[in-house]
PDB file of all heavy atoms in Angstrom:
ATOM      1  N   LYS A   1      27.493  -1.452  -4.911  1.00  0.00           N
ATOM      2  CA  LYS A   1      28.269  -2.703  -4.909  1.00  0.00           C
ATOM      3  C   LYS A   1      28.627  -3.126  -3.495  1.00  0.00           C
ATOM      4  O   LYS A   1      28.741  -4.316  -3.204  1.00  0.00           O
ATOM      5  CB  LYS A   1      29.544  -2.541  -5.733  1.00  0.00           C
ATOM      6  CG  LYS A   1      29.312  -2.634  -7.212  1.00  0.00           C
ATOM      7  CD  LYS A   1      30.612  -2.515  -7.973  1.00  0.00           C
ATOM      8  CE  LYS A   1      30.345  -2.504  -9.466  1.00  0.00           C
ATOM      9  NZ  LYS A   1      31.543  -2.277 -10.253  1.00  0.00           N
ATOM     10  N   ARG A   2      28.804  -2.180  -2.606  1.00  0.00           N
ATOM     11  CA  ARG A   2      29.168  -2.483  -1.221  1.00  0.00           C
ATOM     12  C   ARG A   2      27.978  -2.924  -0.381  1.00  0.00           C
ATOM     13  O   ARG A   2      28.161  -3.552   0.663  1.00  0.00           O
ATOM     14  CB  ARG A   2      29.825  -1.260  -0.574  1.00  0.00           C
ATOM     15  CG  ARG A   2      31.179  -0.939  -1.164  1.00  0.00           C
ATOM     16  CD  ARG A   2      31.812   0.258  -0.495  1.00  0.00           C
ATOM     17  NE  ARG A   2      32.027   0.028   0.928  1.00  0.00           N
ATOM     18  CZ  ARG A   2      32.292   0.989   1.809  1.00  0.00           C
ATOM     19  NH1 ARG A   2      32.366   2.254   1.418  1.00  0.00           N
ATOM     20  NH2 ARG A   2      32.474   0.692   3.081  1.00  0.00           N
ATOM     21  N   LEU A   3      26.761  -2.571  -0.792  1.00  0.00           N
ATOM     22  CA  LEU A   3      25.565  -2.911  -0.020  1.00  0.00           C
ATOM     23  C   LEU A   3      25.063  -4.299  -0.387  1.00  0.00           C
ATOM     24  O   LEU A   3      24.868  -4.606  -1.555  1.00  0.00           O
ATOM     25  CB  LEU A   3      24.465  -1.878  -0.276  1.00  0.00           C
ATOM     26  CG  LEU A   3      24.756  -0.462   0.205  1.00  0.00           C
ATOM     27  CD1 LEU A   3      23.683   0.497  -0.313  1.00  0.00           C
ATOM     28  CD2 LEU A   3      24.862  -0.396   1.714  1.00  0.00           C
ATOM     29  N   LYS A   4      24.827  -5.118   0.627  1.00  0.00           N
ATOM     30  CA  LYS A   4      24.341  -6.482   0.405  1.00  0.00           C
ATOM     31  C   LYS A   4      22.897  -6.477  -0.083  1.00  0.00           C
ATOM     32  O   LYS A   4      22.140  -5.559   0.170  1.00  0.00           O
ATOM     33  CB  LYS A   4      24.419  -7.283   1.705  1.00  0.00           C
ATOM     34  CG  LYS A   4      25.813  -7.593   2.165  1.00  0.00           C
ATOM     35  CD  LYS A   4      25.754  -8.390   3.456  1.00  0.00           C
ATOM     36  CE  LYS A   4      27.128  -8.650   4.029  1.00  0.00           C
ATOM     37  NZ  LYS A   4      27.013  -9.318   5.347  1.00  0.00           N
ATOM     38  N   GLY A   5      22.530  -7.580  -0.724  1.00  0.00           N
ATOM     39  CA  GLY A   5      21.149  -7.824  -1.105  1.00  0.00           C
ATOM     40  C   GLY A   5      20.767  -7.267  -2.460  1.00  0.00           C
ATOM     41  O   GLY A   5      21.538  -6.601  -3.141  1.00  0.00           O
ATOM     42  N   ARG A   6      19.551  -7.590  -2.813  1.00  0.00           N
ATOM     43  CA  ARG A   6      18.917  -7.084  -4.032  1.00  0.00           C
ATOM     44  C   ARG A   6      18.291  -5.749  -3.650  1.00  0.00           C
ATOM     45  O   ARG A   6      17.634  -5.641  -2.615  1.00  0.00           O
ATOM     46  CB  ARG A   6      17.853  -8.088  -4.453  1.00  0.00           C
ATOM     47  CG  ARG A   6      17.084  -7.742  -5.664  1.00  0.00           C
ATOM     48  CD  ARG A   6      16.139  -8.922  -6.025  1.00  0.00           C
ATOM     49  NE  ARG A   6      15.410  -8.595  -7.217  1.00  0.00           N
ATOM     50  CZ  ARG A   6      14.158  -8.157  -7.228  1.00  0.00           C
ATOM     51  NH1 ARG A   6      13.468  -8.043  -6.111  1.00  0.00           N
ATOM     52  NH2 ARG A   6      13.566  -7.864  -8.370  1.00  0.00           N
ATOM     53  N   LYS A   7      18.474  -4.729  -4.484  1.00  0.00           N
ATOM     54  CA  LYS A   7      18.039  -3.391  -4.123  1.00  0.00           C
ATOM     55  C   LYS A   7      17.005  -2.857  -5.113  1.00  0.00           C
ATOM     56  O   LYS A   7      17.197  -2.942  -6.314  1.00  0.00           O
ATOM     57  CB  LYS A   7      19.251  -2.465  -4.048  1.00  0.00           C
ATOM     58  CG  LYS A   7      20.187  -2.880  -2.902  1.00  0.00           C
ATOM     59  CD  LYS A   7      21.592  -2.358  -3.041  1.00  0.00           C
ATOM     60  CE  LYS A   7      22.486  -3.095  -3.966  1.00  0.00           C
ATOM     61  NZ  LYS A   7      22.940  -4.418  -3.582  1.00  0.00           N
ATOM     62  N   VAL A   8      15.909  -2.315  -4.561  1.00  0.00           N
ATOM     63  CA  VAL A   8      14.823  -1.749  -5.351  1.00  0.00           C
ATOM     64  C   VAL A   8      14.635  -0.304  -4.897  1.00  0.00           C
ATOM     65  O   VAL A   8      14.535  -0.039  -3.697  1.00  0.00           O
ATOM     66  CB  VAL A   8      13.511  -2.540  -5.142  1.00  0.00           C
ATOM     67  CG1 VAL A   8      12.356  -1.890  -5.877  1.00  0.00           C
ATOM     68  CG2 VAL A   8      13.690  -3.998  -5.557  1.00  0.00           C
ATOM     69  N   LEU A   9      14.572   0.627  -5.846  1.00  0.00           N
ATOM     70  CA  LEU A   9      14.413   2.043  -5.514  1.00  0.00           C
ATOM     71  C   LEU A   9      13.048   2.560  -5.955  1.00  0.00           C
ATOM     72  O   LEU A   9      12.659   2.399  -7.113  1.00  0.00           O
ATOM     73  CB  LEU A   9      15.502   2.871  -6.204  1.00  0.00           C
ATOM     74  CG  LEU A   9      15.423   4.396  -6.028  1.00  0.00           C
ATOM     75  CD1 LEU A   9      15.609   4.791  -4.563  1.00  0.00           C
ATOM     76  CD2 LEU A   9      16.463   5.086  -6.905  1.00  0.00           C
ATOM     77  N   ILE A  10      12.341   3.165  -5.022  1.00  0.00           N
ATOM     78  CA  ILE A  10      11.177   3.985  -5.323  1.00  0.00           C
ATOM     79  C   ILE A  10      11.728   5.409  -5.245  1.00  0.00           C
ATOM     80  O   ILE A  10      12.094   5.870  -4.162  1.00  0.00           O
ATOM     81  CB  ILE A  10      10.034   3.796  -4.300  1.00  0.00           C
ATOM     82  CG1 ILE A  10       9.689   2.319  -4.086  1.00  0.00           C
ATOM     83  CG2 ILE A  10       8.828   4.625  -4.699  1.00  0.00           C
ATOM     84  CD1 ILE A  10       9.302   1.551  -5.311  1.00  0.00           C
ATOM     85  N   MET A  11      11.835   6.069  -6.376  1.00  0.00           N
ATOM     86  CA  MET A  11      12.532   7.351  -6.423  1.00  0.00           C
ATOM     87  C   MET A  11      11.869   8.412  -5.552  1.00  0.00           C
ATOM     88  O   MET A  11      10.649   8.516  -5.497  1.00  0.00           O
ATOM     89  CB  MET A  11      12.613   7.852  -7.866  1.00  0.00           C
ATOM     90  CG  MET A  11      13.533   7.023  -8.739  1.00  0.00           C
ATOM     91  SD  MET A  11      13.457   7.477 -10.485  1.00  0.00           S
ATOM     92  CE  MET A  11      14.273   9.070 -10.457  1.00  0.00           C
ATOM     93  N   GLY A  12      12.729   9.186  -4.888  1.00  0.00           N
ATOM     94  CA  GLY A  12      12.278  10.324  -4.101  1.00  0.00           C
ATOM     95  C   GLY A  12      12.625  11.621  -4.791  1.00  0.00           C
ATOM     96  O   GLY A  12      13.265  11.631  -5.851  1.00  0.00           O
ATOM     97  N   ASN A  13      12.251  12.720  -4.185  1.00  0.00           N
ATOM     98  CA  ASN A  13      12.490  14.027  -4.793  1.00  0.00           C
ATOM     99  C   ASN A  13      13.975  14.321  -4.978  1.00  0.00           C
ATOM    100  O   ASN A  13      14.354  15.016  -5.919  1.00  0.00           O
ATOM    101  CB  ASN A  13      11.812  15.141  -3.979  1.00  0.00           C
ATOM    102  CG  ASN A  13      12.189  15.136  -2.516  1.00  0.00           C
ATOM    103  OD1 ASN A  13      12.000  14.130  -1.827  1.00  0.00           O
ATOM    104  ND2 ASN A  13      12.679  16.247  -2.025  1.00  0.00           N
ATOM    105  N   HIS A  14      14.842  13.772  -4.165  1.00  0.00           N
ATOM    106  CA  HIS A  14      16.285  14.000  -4.306  1.00  0.00           C
ATOM    107  C   HIS A  14      16.964  12.984  -5.229  1.00  0.00           C
ATOM    108  O   HIS A  14      18.175  13.052  -5.428  1.00  0.00           O
ATOM    109  CB  HIS A  14      16.974  14.009  -2.936  1.00  0.00           C
ATOM    110  CG  HIS A  14      16.626  15.200  -2.116  1.00  0.00           C
ATOM    111  ND1 HIS A  14      17.231  16.420  -2.277  1.00  0.00           N
ATOM    112  CD2 HIS A  14      15.702  15.363  -1.140  1.00  0.00           C
ATOM    113  CE1 HIS A  14      16.721  17.286  -1.423  1.00  0.00           C
ATOM    114  NE2 HIS A  14      15.789  16.668  -0.723  1.00  0.00           N
ATOM    115  N   ASP A  15      16.215  12.051  -5.776  1.00  0.00           N
ATOM    116  CA  ASP A  15      16.777  11.067  -6.712  1.00  0.00           C
ATOM    117  C   ASP A  15      16.545  11.471  -8.163  1.00  0.00           C
ATOM    118  O   ASP A  15      17.030  10.822  -9.075  1.00  0.00           O
ATOM    119  CB  ASP A  15      16.141   9.685  -6.487  1.00  0.00           C
ATOM    120  CG  ASP A  15      16.382   9.169  -5.094  1.00  0.00           C
ATOM    121  OD1 ASP A  15      17.511   9.315  -4.593  1.00  0.00           O
ATOM    122  OD2 ASP A  15      15.428   8.631  -4.489  1.00  0.00           O
ATOM    123  N   ARG A  16      15.838  12.523  -8.389  1.00  0.00           N
ATOM    124  CA  ARG A  16      15.431  12.901  -9.739  1.00  0.00           C
ATOM    125  C   ARG A  16      16.549  13.563 -10.546  1.00  0.00           C
ATOM    126  O   ARG A  16      16.343  13.909 -11.699  1.00  0.00           O
ATOM    127  CB  ARG A  16      14.197  13.791  -9.675  1.00  0.00           C
ATOM    128  CG  ARG A  16      13.080  13.091  -8.900  1.00  0.00           C
ATOM    129  CD  ARG A  16      11.752  13.185  -9.540  1.00  0.00           C
ATOM    130  NE  ARG A  16      10.736  12.548  -8.716  1.00  0.00           N
ATOM    131  CZ  ARG A  16      10.314  11.315  -8.900  1.00  0.00           C
ATOM    132  NH1 ARG A  16      10.792  10.572  -9.846  1.00  0.00           N
ATOM    133  NH2 ARG A  16       9.382  10.811  -8.108  1.00  0.00           N
ATOM    134  N   HIS A  17      17.737  13.704  -9.944  1.00  0.00           N
ATOM    135  CA  HIS A  17      18.870  14.223 -10.711  1.00  0.00           C
ATOM    136  C   HIS A  17      19.401  13.165 -11.677  1.00  0.00           C
ATOM    137  O   HIS A  17      20.262  13.460 -12.501  1.00  0.00           O
ATOM    138  CB  HIS A  17      19.985  14.728  -9.775  1.00  0.00           C
ATOM    139  CG  HIS A  17      20.615  13.676  -8.929  1.00  0.00           C
ATOM    140  ND1 HIS A  17      20.011  13.170  -7.800  1.00  0.00           N
ATOM    141  CD2 HIS A  17      21.795  13.037  -9.038  1.00  0.00           C
ATOM    142  CE1 HIS A  17      20.799  12.252  -7.255  1.00  0.00           C
ATOM    143  NE2 HIS A  17      21.884  12.150  -7.980  1.00  0.00           N
ATOM    144  N   GLN A  18      18.888  11.934 -11.558  1.00  0.00           N
ATOM    145  CA  GLN A  18      19.220  10.860 -12.487  1.00  0.00           C
ATOM    146  C   GLN A  18      17.924  10.191 -12.936  1.00  0.00           C
ATOM    147  O   GLN A  18      16.939  10.193 -12.212  1.00  0.00           O
ATOM    148  CB  GLN A  18      20.127   9.821 -11.817  1.00  0.00           C
ATOM    149  CG  GLN A  18      21.486  10.360 -11.447  1.00  0.00           C
ATOM    150  CD  GLN A  18      22.427   9.251 -11.009  1.00  0.00           C
ATOM    151  OE1 GLN A  18      22.518   8.224 -11.649  1.00  0.00           O
ATOM    152  NE2 GLN A  18      23.129   9.479  -9.922  1.00  0.00           N
ATOM    153  N   THR A  19      17.964   9.576 -14.103  1.00  0.00           N
ATOM    154  CA  THR A  19      16.783   8.865 -14.602  1.00  0.00           C
ATOM    155  C   THR A  19      16.653   7.505 -13.911  1.00  0.00           C
ATOM    156  O   THR A  19      17.615   6.997 -13.319  1.00  0.00           O
ATOM    157  CB  THR A  19      16.887   8.635 -16.119  1.00  0.00           C
ATOM    158  OG1 THR A  19      17.993   7.751 -16.365  1.00  0.00           O
ATOM    159  CG2 THR A  19      17.072   9.944 -16.874  1.00  0.00           C
ATOM    160  N   ALA A  20      15.483   6.914 -14.036  1.00  0.00           N
ATOM    161  CA  ALA A  20      15.261   5.569 -13.493  1.00  0.00           C
ATOM    162  C   ALA A  20      16.256   4.585 -14.109  1.00  0.00           C
ATOM    163  O   ALA A  20      16.804   3.725 -13.419  1.00  0.00           O
ATOM    164  CB  ALA A  20      13.823   5.126 -13.733  1.00  0.00           C
ATOM    165  N   GLN A  21      16.504   4.723 -15.405  1.00  0.00           N
ATOM    166  CA  GLN A  21      17.461   3.833 -16.065  1.00  0.00           C
ATOM    167  C   GLN A  21      18.868   4.036 -15.512  1.00  0.00           C
ATOM    168  O   GLN A  21      19.622   3.069 -15.340  1.00  0.00           O
ATOM    169  CB  GLN A  21      17.452   4.021 -17.578  1.00  0.00           C
ATOM    170  CG  GLN A  21      18.306   3.005 -18.317  1.00  0.00           C
ATOM    171  CD  GLN A  21      17.887   1.563 -18.026  1.00  0.00           C
ATOM    172  OE1 GLN A  21      16.706   1.219 -18.156  1.00  0.00           O
ATOM    173  NE2 GLN A  21      18.825   0.713 -17.637  1.00  0.00           N
ATOM    174  N   ALA A  22      19.251   5.258 -15.223  1.00  0.00           N
ATOM    175  CA  ALA A  22      20.570   5.520 -14.644  1.00  0.00           C
ATOM    176  C   ALA A  22      20.705   4.841 -13.278  1.00  0.00           C
ATOM    177  O   ALA A  22      21.762   4.281 -12.957  1.00  0.00           O
ATOM    178  CB  ALA A  22      20.821   7.019 -14.526  1.00  0.00           C
ATOM    179  N   TRP A  23      19.634   4.857 -12.490  1.00  0.00           N
ATOM    180  CA  TRP A  23      19.678   4.167 -11.191  1.00  0.00           C
ATOM    181  C   TRP A  23      19.809   2.657 -11.387  1.00  0.00           C
ATOM    182  O   TRP A  23      20.545   1.997 -10.654  1.00  0.00           O
ATOM    183  CB  TRP A  23      18.443   4.510 -10.353  1.00  0.00           C
ATOM    184  CG  TRP A  23      18.480   5.889  -9.786  1.00  0.00           C
ATOM    185  CD1 TRP A  23      17.675   6.943 -10.124  1.00  0.00           C
ATOM    186  CD2 TRP A  23      19.377   6.387  -8.792  1.00  0.00           C
ATOM    187  NE1 TRP A  23      18.026   8.054  -9.400  1.00  0.00           N
ATOM    188  CE2 TRP A  23      19.061   7.738  -8.572  1.00  0.00           C
ATOM    189  CE3 TRP A  23      20.422   5.825  -8.053  1.00  0.00           C
ATOM    190  CZ2 TRP A  23      19.739   8.537  -7.648  1.00  0.00           C
ATOM    191  CZ3 TRP A  23      21.106   6.617  -7.140  1.00  0.00           C
ATOM    192  CH2 TRP A  23      20.768   7.954  -6.938  1.00  0.00           C
ATOM    193  N   ARG A  24      19.108   2.117 -12.384  1.00  0.00           N
ATOM    194  CA  ARG A  24      19.257   0.680 -12.665  1.00  0.00           C
ATOM    195  C   ARG A  24      20.684   0.392 -13.124  1.00  0.00           C
ATOM    196  O   ARG A  24      21.288  -0.595 -12.703  1.00  0.00           O
ATOM    197  CB  ARG A  24      18.229   0.231 -13.711  1.00  0.00           C
ATOM    198  CG  ARG A  24      16.811   0.107 -13.156  1.00  0.00           C
ATOM    199  CD  ARG A  24      15.838  -0.525 -14.128  1.00  0.00           C
ATOM    200  NE  ARG A  24      15.430   0.367 -15.193  1.00  0.00           N
ATOM    201  CZ  ARG A  24      14.434   1.245 -15.117  1.00  0.00           C
ATOM    202  NH1 ARG A  24      13.728   1.360 -14.018  1.00  0.00           N
ATOM    203  NH2 ARG A  24      14.134   1.999 -16.157  1.00  0.00           N
ATOM    204  N   ASN A  25      21.234   1.247 -13.960  1.00  0.00           N
ATOM    205  CA  ASN A  25      22.618   1.062 -14.417  1.00  0.00           C
ATOM    206  C   ASN A  25      23.610   1.153 -13.257  1.00  0.00           C
ATOM    207  O   ASN A  25      24.661   0.517 -13.297  1.00  0.00           O
ATOM    208  CB  ASN A  25      22.982   2.101 -15.481  1.00  0.00           C
ATOM    209  CG  ASN A  25      22.218   1.913 -16.778  1.00  0.00           C
ATOM    210  OD1 ASN A  25      21.628   0.858 -17.032  1.00  0.00           O
ATOM    211  ND2 ASN A  25      22.202   2.947 -17.600  1.00  0.00           N
ATOM    212  N   ALA A  26      23.274   1.913 -12.238  1.00  0.00           N
ATOM    213  CA  ALA A  26      24.160   2.057 -11.075  1.00  0.00           C
ATOM    214  C   ALA A  26      24.127   0.827 -10.174  1.00  0.00           C
ATOM    215  O   ALA A  26      25.068   0.592  -9.423  1.00  0.00           O
ATOM    216  CB  ALA A  26      23.786   3.306 -10.280  1.00  0.00           C
ATOM    217  N   GLY A  27      23.025   0.045 -10.231  1.00  0.00           N
ATOM    218  CA  GLY A  27      22.993  -1.161  -9.416  1.00  0.00           C
ATOM    219  C   GLY A  27      21.664  -1.525  -8.796  1.00  0.00           C
ATOM    220  O   GLY A  27      21.547  -2.585  -8.170  1.00  0.00           O
ATOM    221  N   PHE A  28      20.662  -0.682  -8.925  1.00  0.00           N
ATOM    222  CA  PHE A  28      19.336  -1.085  -8.444  1.00  0.00           C
ATOM    223  C   PHE A  28      18.750  -2.065  -9.449  1.00  0.00           C
ATOM    224  O   PHE A  28      18.803  -1.840 -10.655  1.00  0.00           O
ATOM    225  CB  PHE A  28      18.405   0.130  -8.311  1.00  0.00           C
ATOM    226  CG  PHE A  28      18.644   0.918  -7.058  1.00  0.00           C
ATOM    227  CD1 PHE A  28      19.401   2.076  -7.091  1.00  0.00           C
ATOM    228  CD2 PHE A  28      18.127   0.495  -5.847  1.00  0.00           C
ATOM    229  CE1 PHE A  28      19.640   2.808  -5.940  1.00  0.00           C
ATOM    230  CE2 PHE A  28      18.358   1.212  -4.688  1.00  0.00           C
ATOM    231  CZ  PHE A  28      19.115   2.378  -4.733  1.00  0.00           C
ATOM    232  N   GLU A  29      18.199  -3.171  -8.955  1.00  0.00           N
ATOM    233  CA  GLU A  29      17.605  -4.158  -9.860  1.00  0.00           C
ATOM    234  C   GLU A  29      16.307  -3.648 -10.455  1.00  0.00           C
ATOM    235  O   GLU A  29      15.952  -4.001 -11.580  1.00  0.00           O
ATOM    236  CB  GLU A  29      17.403  -5.480  -9.139  1.00  0.00           C
ATOM    237  CG  GLU A  29      18.740  -6.119  -8.833  1.00  0.00           C
ATOM    238  CD  GLU A  29      18.612  -7.561  -8.419  1.00  0.00           C
ATOM    239  OE1 GLU A  29      17.663  -8.241  -8.845  1.00  0.00           O
ATOM    240  OE2 GLU A  29      19.493  -8.009  -7.669  1.00  0.00           O
ATOM    241  N   GLU A  30      15.595  -2.859  -9.679  1.00  0.00           N
ATOM    242  CA  GLU A  30      14.363  -2.250 -10.154  1.00  0.00           C
ATOM    243  C   GLU A  30      14.341  -0.815  -9.669  1.00  0.00           C
ATOM    244  O   GLU A  30      14.914  -0.481  -8.633  1.00  0.00           O
ATOM    245  CB  GLU A  30      13.135  -2.993  -9.620  1.00  0.00           C
ATOM    246  CG  GLU A  30      13.014  -4.416 -10.109  1.00  0.00           C
ATOM    247  CD  GLU A  30      11.820  -5.128  -9.491  1.00  0.00           C
ATOM    248  OE1 GLU A  30      10.765  -4.488  -9.296  1.00  0.00           O
ATOM    249  OE2 GLU A  30      11.952  -6.317  -9.200  1.00  0.00           O
ATOM    250  N   CYS A  31      13.626   0.039 -10.411  1.00  0.00           N
ATOM    251  CA  CYS A  31      13.506   1.441 -10.039  1.00  0.00           C
ATOM    252  C   CYS A  31      12.173   1.952 -10.564  1.00  0.00           C
ATOM    253  O   CYS A  31      11.824   1.704 -11.715  1.00  0.00           O
ATOM    254  CB  CYS A  31      14.661   2.244 -10.623  1.00  0.00           C
ATOM    255  SG  CYS A  31      14.582   3.995 -10.209  1.00  0.00           S
ATOM    256  N   SER A  32      11.429   2.661  -9.705  1.00  0.00           N
ATOM    257  CA  SER A  32      10.148   3.217 -10.108  1.00  0.00           C
ATOM    258  C   SER A  32      10.071   4.690  -9.717  1.00  0.00           C
ATOM    259  O   SER A  32      10.490   5.071  -8.625  1.00  0.00           O
ATOM    260  CB  SER A  32       8.997   2.455  -9.447  1.00  0.00           C
ATOM    261  OG  SER A  32       7.765   3.052  -9.783  1.00  0.00           O
ATOM    262  N   GLN A  33       9.504   5.464 -10.606  1.00  0.00           N
ATOM    263  CA  GLN A  33       9.262   6.872 -10.303  1.00  0.00           C
ATOM    264  C   GLN A  33       7.957   7.048  -9.524  1.00  0.00           C
ATOM    265  O   GLN A  33       7.679   8.134  -9.040  1.00  0.00           O
ATOM    266  CB  GLN A  33       9.178   7.674 -11.595  1.00  0.00           C
ATOM    267  CG  GLN A  33      10.456   7.673 -12.386  1.00  0.00           C
ATOM    268  CD  GLN A  33      10.304   8.438 -13.682  1.00  0.00           C
ATOM    269  OE1 GLN A  33       9.648   9.460 -13.752  1.00  0.00           O
ATOM    270  NE2 GLN A  33      10.924   7.929 -14.729  1.00  0.00           N
ATOM    271  N   TRP A  34       7.163   5.996  -9.430  1.00  0.00           N
ATOM    272  CA  TRP A  34       5.831   6.072  -8.839  1.00  0.00           C
ATOM    273  C   TRP A  34       5.711   5.100  -7.669  1.00  0.00           C
ATOM    274  O   TRP A  34       6.470   4.136  -7.575  1.00  0.00           O
ATOM    275  CB  TRP A  34       4.779   5.732  -9.899  1.00  0.00           C
ATOM    276  CG  TRP A  34       5.039   6.408 -11.193  1.00  0.00           C
ATOM    277  CD1 TRP A  34       5.427   5.824 -12.366  1.00  0.00           C
ATOM    278  CD2 TRP A  34       5.003   7.815 -11.459  1.00  0.00           C
ATOM    279  NE1 TRP A  34       5.605   6.774 -13.341  1.00  0.00           N
ATOM    280  CE2 TRP A  34       5.359   8.008 -12.808  1.00  0.00           C
ATOM    281  CE3 TRP A  34       4.701   8.939 -10.684  1.00  0.00           C
ATOM    282  CZ2 TRP A  34       5.410   9.262 -13.394  1.00  0.00           C
ATOM    283  CZ3 TRP A  34       4.759  10.188 -11.279  1.00  0.00           C
ATOM    284  CH2 TRP A  34       5.104  10.336 -12.608  1.00  0.00           C
ATOM    285  N   PRO A  35       4.718   5.285  -6.802  1.00  0.00           N
ATOM    286  CA  PRO A  35       4.480   4.308  -5.741  1.00  0.00           C
ATOM    287  C   PRO A  35       4.235   2.912  -6.318  1.00  0.00           C
ATOM    288  O   PRO A  35       3.782   2.767  -7.449  1.00  0.00           O
ATOM    289  CB  PRO A  35       3.221   4.837  -5.040  1.00  0.00           C
ATOM    290  CG  PRO A  35       3.264   6.310  -5.299  1.00  0.00           C
ATOM    291  CD  PRO A  35       3.828   6.442  -6.701  1.00  0.00           C
ATOM    292  N   VAL A  36       4.541   1.910  -5.531  1.00  0.00           N
ATOM    293  CA  VAL A  36       4.434   0.511  -5.942  1.00  0.00           C
ATOM    294  C   VAL A  36       3.581  -0.232  -4.914  1.00  0.00           C
ATOM    295  O   VAL A  36       3.690   0.015  -3.709  1.00  0.00           O
ATOM    296  CB  VAL A  36       5.850  -0.121  -6.017  1.00  0.00           C
ATOM    297  CG1 VAL A  36       5.791  -1.615  -6.183  1.00  0.00           C
ATOM    298  CG2 VAL A  36       6.663   0.519  -7.126  1.00  0.00           C
ATOM    299  N   ILE A  37       2.731  -1.143  -5.385  1.00  0.00           N
ATOM    300  CA  ILE A  37       1.954  -1.994  -4.484  1.00  0.00           C
ATOM    301  C   ILE A  37       2.792  -3.229  -4.162  1.00  0.00           C
ATOM    302  O   ILE A  37       3.294  -3.905  -5.055  1.00  0.00           O
ATOM    303  CB  ILE A  37       0.613  -2.430  -5.121  1.00  0.00           C
ATOM    304  CG1 ILE A  37      -0.226  -1.222  -5.514  1.00  0.00           C
ATOM    305  CG2 ILE A  37      -0.154  -3.353  -4.172  1.00  0.00           C
ATOM    306  CD1 ILE A  37      -0.759  -0.403  -4.386  1.00  0.00           C
ATOM    307  N   TYR A  38       2.925  -3.518  -2.884  1.00  0.00           N
ATOM    308  CA  TYR A  38       3.723  -4.638  -2.385  1.00  0.00           C
ATOM    309  C   TYR A  38       2.783  -5.593  -1.665  1.00  0.00           C
ATOM    310  O   TYR A  38       2.015  -5.184  -0.776  1.00  0.00           O
ATOM    311  CB  TYR A  38       4.799  -4.085  -1.443  1.00  0.00           C
ATOM    312  CG  TYR A  38       5.582  -5.095  -0.666  1.00  0.00           C
ATOM    313  CD1 TYR A  38       6.671  -5.737  -1.232  1.00  0.00           C
ATOM    314  CD2 TYR A  38       5.254  -5.379   0.648  1.00  0.00           C
ATOM    315  CE1 TYR A  38       7.415  -6.657  -0.500  1.00  0.00           C
ATOM    316  CE2 TYR A  38       5.995  -6.296   1.386  1.00  0.00           C
ATOM    317  CZ  TYR A  38       7.061  -6.931   0.804  1.00  0.00           C
ATOM    318  OH  TYR A  38       7.789  -7.834   1.535  1.00  0.00           O
ATOM    319  N   LYS A  39       2.816  -6.859  -2.047  1.00  0.00           N
ATOM    320  CA  LYS A  39       1.997  -7.908  -1.440  1.00  0.00           C
ATOM    321  C   LYS A  39       0.513  -7.544  -1.398  1.00  0.00           C
ATOM    322  O   LYS A  39      -0.174  -7.825  -0.413  1.00  0.00           O
ATOM    323  CB  LYS A  39       2.524  -8.261  -0.050  1.00  0.00           C
ATOM    324  CG  LYS A  39       3.895  -8.897  -0.094  1.00  0.00           C
ATOM    325  CD  LYS A  39       4.265  -9.572   1.197  1.00  0.00           C
ATOM    326  CE  LYS A  39       5.587 -10.291   1.025  1.00  0.00           C
ATOM    327  NZ  LYS A  39       5.986 -11.035   2.186  1.00  0.00           N
ATOM    328  N   ASP A  40       0.030  -6.920  -2.450  1.00  0.00           N
ATOM    329  CA  ASP A  40      -1.387  -6.596  -2.628  1.00  0.00           C
ATOM    330  C   ASP A  40      -1.995  -5.736  -1.523  1.00  0.00           C
ATOM    331  O   ASP A  40      -3.223  -5.586  -1.452  1.00  0.00           O
ATOM    332  CB  ASP A  40      -2.237  -7.873  -2.767  1.00  0.00           C
ATOM    333  CG  ASP A  40      -1.852  -8.687  -3.977  1.00  0.00           C
ATOM    334  OD1 ASP A  40      -1.500  -8.082  -5.010  1.00  0.00           O
ATOM    335  OD2 ASP A  40      -1.901  -9.925  -3.892  1.00  0.00           O
TER     336      ASP A  40
END
């Protein structure tokens, strides 16, 4: 809530203590457990 902007998480090894849905519930607009292609 304190961090500005829209936030997207690509989960790392230390983020796996919570599910992707838990991260979205915490405030990330999107969350992926896998790499994501950005701008093709």
